[in-house]
Protein backbone atom coordinates (compact mmCIF):
# COMPACT_ATOMS: atom_id res chain seq x y z
CA MET A 1 135.24 93.33 113.88
CA PRO A 2 135.84 94.74 117.39
CA VAL A 3 134.22 98.05 118.29
CA ILE A 4 136.72 100.89 118.49
CA PRO A 5 136.99 101.91 122.19
CA PRO A 6 136.13 105.57 122.90
CA ALA A 7 139.61 106.26 124.29
CA VAL A 8 141.19 105.15 121.01
CA ARG A 9 138.98 107.56 119.07
CA LEU A 10 139.99 110.34 121.45
CA LEU A 11 143.70 109.67 121.35
CA ALA A 12 143.89 109.07 117.61
CA GLU A 13 143.56 112.81 116.99
CA PRO A 14 147.15 114.15 116.63
CA LEU A 15 146.73 117.33 118.67
CA ARG A 16 145.02 115.48 121.51
CA TRP A 17 147.86 112.95 121.49
CA ARG A 18 150.37 115.81 121.81
CA LEU A 19 148.30 117.35 124.61
CA ILE A 20 148.35 114.23 126.73
CA GLY A 21 152.07 113.95 126.09
CA GLU A 22 152.56 117.39 127.59
CA LEU A 23 150.24 116.68 130.52
CA ALA A 24 151.95 113.36 131.21
CA GLY A 25 155.02 115.31 132.26
CA SER A 26 153.43 118.04 134.36
CA ASP A 27 150.15 119.79 135.09
CA ARG A 28 149.77 122.75 132.75
CA ARG A 29 147.74 125.90 132.19
CA VAL A 30 146.19 126.59 128.78
CA GLY A 31 148.72 129.32 128.01
CA GLU A 32 151.60 126.95 128.67
CA LEU A 33 150.07 124.31 126.40
CA VAL A 34 149.56 126.91 123.65
CA ILE A 35 153.26 127.81 123.78
CA ALA A 36 154.47 124.21 124.03
CA LEU A 37 152.37 123.04 121.07
CA GLY A 38 152.51 126.21 118.96
CA THR A 39 148.74 125.94 118.49
CA PRO A 40 146.02 128.61 118.80
CA GLN A 41 144.31 128.79 122.16
CA ASN A 42 140.84 128.07 120.78
CA LEU A 43 142.04 124.73 119.38
CA VAL A 44 143.85 123.80 122.58
CA SER A 45 140.77 124.64 124.66
CA TYR A 46 138.49 122.66 122.34
CA HIS A 47 140.59 119.51 122.50
CA LEU A 48 141.02 119.84 126.26
CA ARG A 49 137.22 119.87 126.55
CA GLN A 50 137.09 116.66 124.50
CA LEU A 51 139.66 114.99 126.73
CA ARG A 52 137.81 116.11 129.85
CA ALA A 53 134.52 114.78 128.46
CA GLY A 54 136.26 111.48 127.83
CA GLY A 55 137.45 111.34 131.44
CA LEU A 56 141.17 111.35 130.58
CA VAL A 57 141.91 114.90 131.74
CA THR A 58 140.73 116.77 134.83
CA ALA A 59 140.97 120.44 135.78
CA ARG A 60 141.10 122.56 138.91
CA ARG A 61 141.33 126.28 139.60
CA SER A 62 144.75 127.61 140.53
CA SER A 63 145.13 128.48 144.19
CA PHE A 64 147.55 131.23 143.13
CA ASP A 65 145.26 132.89 140.56
CA ALA A 66 141.65 131.68 140.46
CA ARG A 67 141.33 133.02 136.90
CA GLU A 68 143.72 130.28 135.78
CA THR A 69 143.03 126.56 135.51
CA TYR A 70 145.49 123.70 135.75
CA TYR A 71 144.85 120.65 133.58
CA GLN A 72 145.93 117.22 134.77
CA LEU A 73 146.22 113.92 132.96
CA ASP A 74 144.44 111.14 134.85
CA LEU A 75 147.16 108.52 134.46
CA SER A 76 145.14 105.76 136.07
CA ARG A 77 142.17 106.28 133.73
CA CYS A 78 144.52 106.44 130.74
CA ALA A 79 146.18 103.20 131.80
CA HIS A 80 142.87 101.39 132.17
CA ALA A 81 141.58 102.80 128.87
CA LEU A 82 144.68 101.62 127.00
CA ALA A 83 144.52 98.24 128.72
CA ALA A 84 140.90 97.89 127.62
CA ALA A 85 141.83 98.90 124.07
CA GLY A 86 144.43 96.14 123.89
CA ALA A 87 141.99 93.59 125.27
CA ALA A 88 139.37 94.66 122.70
CA ILE A 89 141.74 93.59 119.92
CA HIS A 90 142.89 90.32 121.48
CA PRO A 91 142.98 88.94 125.04
CA ALA A 92 146.74 88.47 124.78
CA LEU A 93 147.14 92.22 124.23
CA ALA A 94 145.53 93.18 127.53
CA LEU A 95 148.01 95.38 129.40
CA ARG A 96 148.64 95.73 133.11
CA PRO A 97 146.80 98.99 133.93
CA ASP A 98 148.87 99.89 137.01
CA PRO A 99 152.65 100.01 137.38
CA ALA A 100 154.27 97.48 139.65
CA VAL A 101 155.53 98.68 143.04
CA PRO A 102 158.36 98.73 143.78
CA VAL A 103 159.98 99.31 140.40
CA ALA A 104 163.36 97.69 139.90
CA ALA A 105 166.20 99.81 138.60
CA HIS A 106 166.91 99.38 134.91
CA ARG A 107 170.32 101.05 134.69
CA PRO A 108 173.50 100.62 136.74
CA VAL A 109 174.00 103.44 139.25
CA ARG A 110 176.33 104.24 142.11
CA ARG A 111 174.03 106.72 143.82
CA ARG A 112 170.41 107.23 144.68
CA VAL A 113 167.95 109.45 142.82
CA ARG A 114 167.16 112.64 144.76
CA VAL A 115 163.66 114.16 144.64
CA LEU A 116 162.40 117.29 146.40
CA PHE A 117 158.69 118.02 146.97
CA LEU A 118 157.55 121.59 147.65
CA CYS A 119 154.34 123.15 148.96
CA THR A 120 153.47 126.17 151.10
CA GLY A 121 153.30 124.90 154.67
CA ASN A 122 155.26 121.64 154.42
CA SER A 123 152.59 120.40 156.79
CA ALA A 124 150.65 117.93 154.63
CA ARG A 125 151.09 117.61 150.86
CA SER A 126 154.87 117.64 150.50
CA PRO A 127 155.71 115.51 153.57
CA ILE A 128 153.06 112.96 152.53
CA ALA A 129 154.51 112.84 149.01
CA ALA A 130 158.09 112.44 150.24
CA ALA A 131 157.08 109.70 152.69
CA LEU A 132 155.19 107.77 150.00
CA LEU A 133 158.09 108.02 147.55
CA ARG A 134 160.56 106.83 150.16
CA HIS A 135 158.20 103.96 150.97
CA HIS A 136 157.75 102.82 147.36
CA GLY A 137 161.26 103.60 146.15
CA ARG A 138 163.24 102.40 149.13
CA GLY A 139 166.72 101.30 148.20
CA TRP A 140 167.30 103.77 145.39
CA VAL A 141 165.34 107.01 146.03
CA ASP A 142 166.03 109.85 148.46
CA ALA A 143 162.98 112.09 148.93
CA ALA A 144 162.86 115.39 150.83
CA SER A 145 160.19 118.04 151.34
CA ALA A 146 160.03 121.73 152.17
CA GLY A 147 157.69 124.73 152.21
CA SER A 148 157.80 128.45 151.49
CA HIS A 149 156.04 129.16 154.81
CA PRO A 150 156.58 126.09 157.02
CA LYS A 151 154.14 125.34 159.79
CA GLN A 152 153.40 122.50 162.17
CA LEU A 153 152.73 119.07 160.70
CA HIS A 154 148.98 118.46 160.51
CA PRO A 155 147.88 115.57 162.78
CA ALA A 156 145.56 114.25 160.07
CA ALA A 157 148.53 113.72 157.75
CA VAL A 158 150.15 111.54 160.43
CA ARG A 159 146.95 109.55 160.99
CA VAL A 160 146.24 108.91 157.32
CA LEU A 161 149.73 107.68 156.50
CA ARG A 162 149.87 105.48 159.59
CA GLU A 163 146.41 103.96 159.23
CA HIS A 164 146.25 103.52 155.45
CA TYR A 165 149.87 103.08 154.36
CA GLY A 166 151.70 101.89 157.48
CA ILE A 167 154.07 104.87 157.33
CA ASP A 168 155.19 106.81 160.42
CA LEU A 169 155.32 110.53 159.64
CA ALA A 170 155.36 111.73 163.24
CA GLY A 171 159.07 112.59 163.19
CA HIS A 172 158.76 115.05 160.29
CA GLN A 173 160.13 118.53 160.99
CA PRO A 174 158.75 121.38 158.82
CA THR A 175 161.56 122.81 156.68
CA HIS A 176 161.92 126.03 154.72
CA LEU A 177 162.71 125.61 151.03
CA ASP A 178 165.74 127.90 151.43
CA THR A 179 167.38 125.01 153.30
CA PHE A 180 167.72 123.13 150.02
CA THR A 181 168.48 125.86 147.48
CA ARG A 182 172.18 124.98 147.31
CA GLN A 183 171.64 121.24 147.15
CA ARG A 184 171.43 119.14 144.00
CA PHE A 185 168.30 117.20 143.14
CA ASP A 186 167.40 115.17 140.10
CA HIS A 187 163.74 116.17 140.25
CA VAL A 188 161.91 119.04 141.96
CA ILE A 189 158.14 118.62 142.16
CA SER A 190 155.90 121.48 143.27
CA LEU A 191 152.51 120.49 144.70
CA CYS A 192 151.22 124.00 145.36
CA ASP A 193 150.32 126.60 142.72
CA LYS A 194 151.63 129.39 144.94
CA VAL A 195 155.02 127.74 145.48
CA ARG A 196 155.39 127.08 141.77
CA GLU A 197 155.37 130.84 141.15
CA ILE A 198 158.28 131.46 143.54
CA CYS A 199 160.25 128.23 143.15
CA PRO A 200 163.98 129.11 143.10
CA GLU A 201 166.57 127.76 140.70
CA PHE A 202 168.42 124.70 141.96
CA PRO A 203 171.98 123.68 141.07
CA GLY A 204 172.42 121.18 138.27
CA HIS A 205 169.16 122.06 136.45
CA PRO A 206 166.93 119.32 137.88
CA ASP A 207 163.78 118.22 136.07
CA THR A 208 160.93 120.38 137.36
CA VAL A 209 157.37 119.08 137.51
CA HIS A 210 154.16 120.62 138.83
CA TRP A 211 151.30 118.66 140.38
CA SER A 212 148.46 121.08 141.14
CA MET A 213 146.87 119.85 144.34
CA ALA A 214 144.46 121.41 146.81
CA ASP A 215 145.65 121.91 150.37
CA PRO A 216 143.69 119.41 152.52
CA ALA A 217 144.22 121.62 155.56
CA GLU A 218 142.03 124.31 153.95
CA ALA A 219 139.15 121.82 153.79
CA THR A 220 139.84 120.70 157.36
CA PRO A 221 140.92 123.67 159.49
CA GLY A 222 142.31 122.60 162.83
CA ASP A 223 142.10 118.96 163.82
CA ASN A 224 138.45 117.97 163.97
CA GLY A 225 139.06 114.30 163.25
CA ASP A 226 137.63 114.45 159.70
CA ASP A 227 140.45 113.04 157.58
CA ALA A 228 138.53 112.75 154.28
CA ALA A 229 140.41 115.55 152.50
CA PHE A 230 143.75 114.12 153.64
CA ARG A 231 142.77 110.63 152.47
CA ARG A 232 141.91 112.02 149.03
CA VAL A 233 145.21 113.88 148.76
CA ALA A 234 147.21 110.88 149.96
CA ALA A 235 145.43 108.59 147.48
CA GLU A 236 146.11 110.98 144.59
CA LEU A 237 149.75 111.34 145.60
CA ASP A 238 150.12 107.59 145.93
CA THR A 239 148.78 107.09 142.39
CA ARG A 240 150.98 109.82 140.94
CA ILE A 241 154.05 108.45 142.70
CA ARG A 242 153.42 104.89 141.49
CA TYR A 243 153.38 106.26 137.95
CA LEU A 244 156.42 108.43 138.67
CA LEU A 245 158.60 105.51 139.76
CA PRO A 246 159.07 104.01 136.26
CA VAL A 247 160.08 107.48 135.04
CA LEU A 248 162.66 107.79 137.80
CA ALA A 249 163.93 104.26 137.23
CA THR A 250 164.41 104.60 133.48
CA SER A 251 165.97 108.05 133.72
CA ARG A 252 168.41 107.34 136.54
CA PRO A 253 171.87 108.53 135.43
CA THR A 254 175.04 106.61 136.03
CA GLU A 255 177.78 108.34 138.01
CA LYS A 256 179.78 108.68 134.80
CA GLU A 257 176.83 110.41 133.09
CA ARG A 258 176.48 112.81 136.01
CA GLU A 259 180.14 113.77 135.80
CA SER A 260 180.14 114.26 132.03
């Protein structure tokens, strides 16, 4: 009889399964998870600790309020854990742990999916995210980026995308989020805890998602040639975007659905 993989034991608990379902959609604080699940905070915190110990969930302090913590589902670790669980039962059940790139559209559409990324400075995180999404979703995704306090594009962001992903970001112009407040998007993704707190309402009620990510420019003030923090952020964004693409593809509305 095959040994039960640790991830299966973790995920078999109903509340933990519901927790990862919530975190699969967006990074969350404990209070938000308590409300979403209708479960006491002590239970939510206990099961989050179990998921963190199992390596499926990570946490980082909010840059808006250091007393708060954002919890994130590690999609890549989850994918590999589930793939290993299938293989433990039978080799034919081994799953592909990473989504294919690019993802083909699964529904007929007459227009492209529109996604907006937001951070504070629009100098690193959001332009990197938009560039990666355009790169992976070319042909059916329009990606834009903006900031609440735009500032000059960080040279390290340009270097990292050019050297590691073959993407030219040099032409990016920092943009204030007010530029887009009257435009329609299908998805609005905040990458900064501060921006999440002030994110305006957008027409058409787009899906809103939060990815809590540290600002690499804070770890690398100025341009000292040390791109490590920017490489880490770009790698995390690339992983998140690869897992986002199947969501965008399977949820793309037809023109008729948009008009109804």
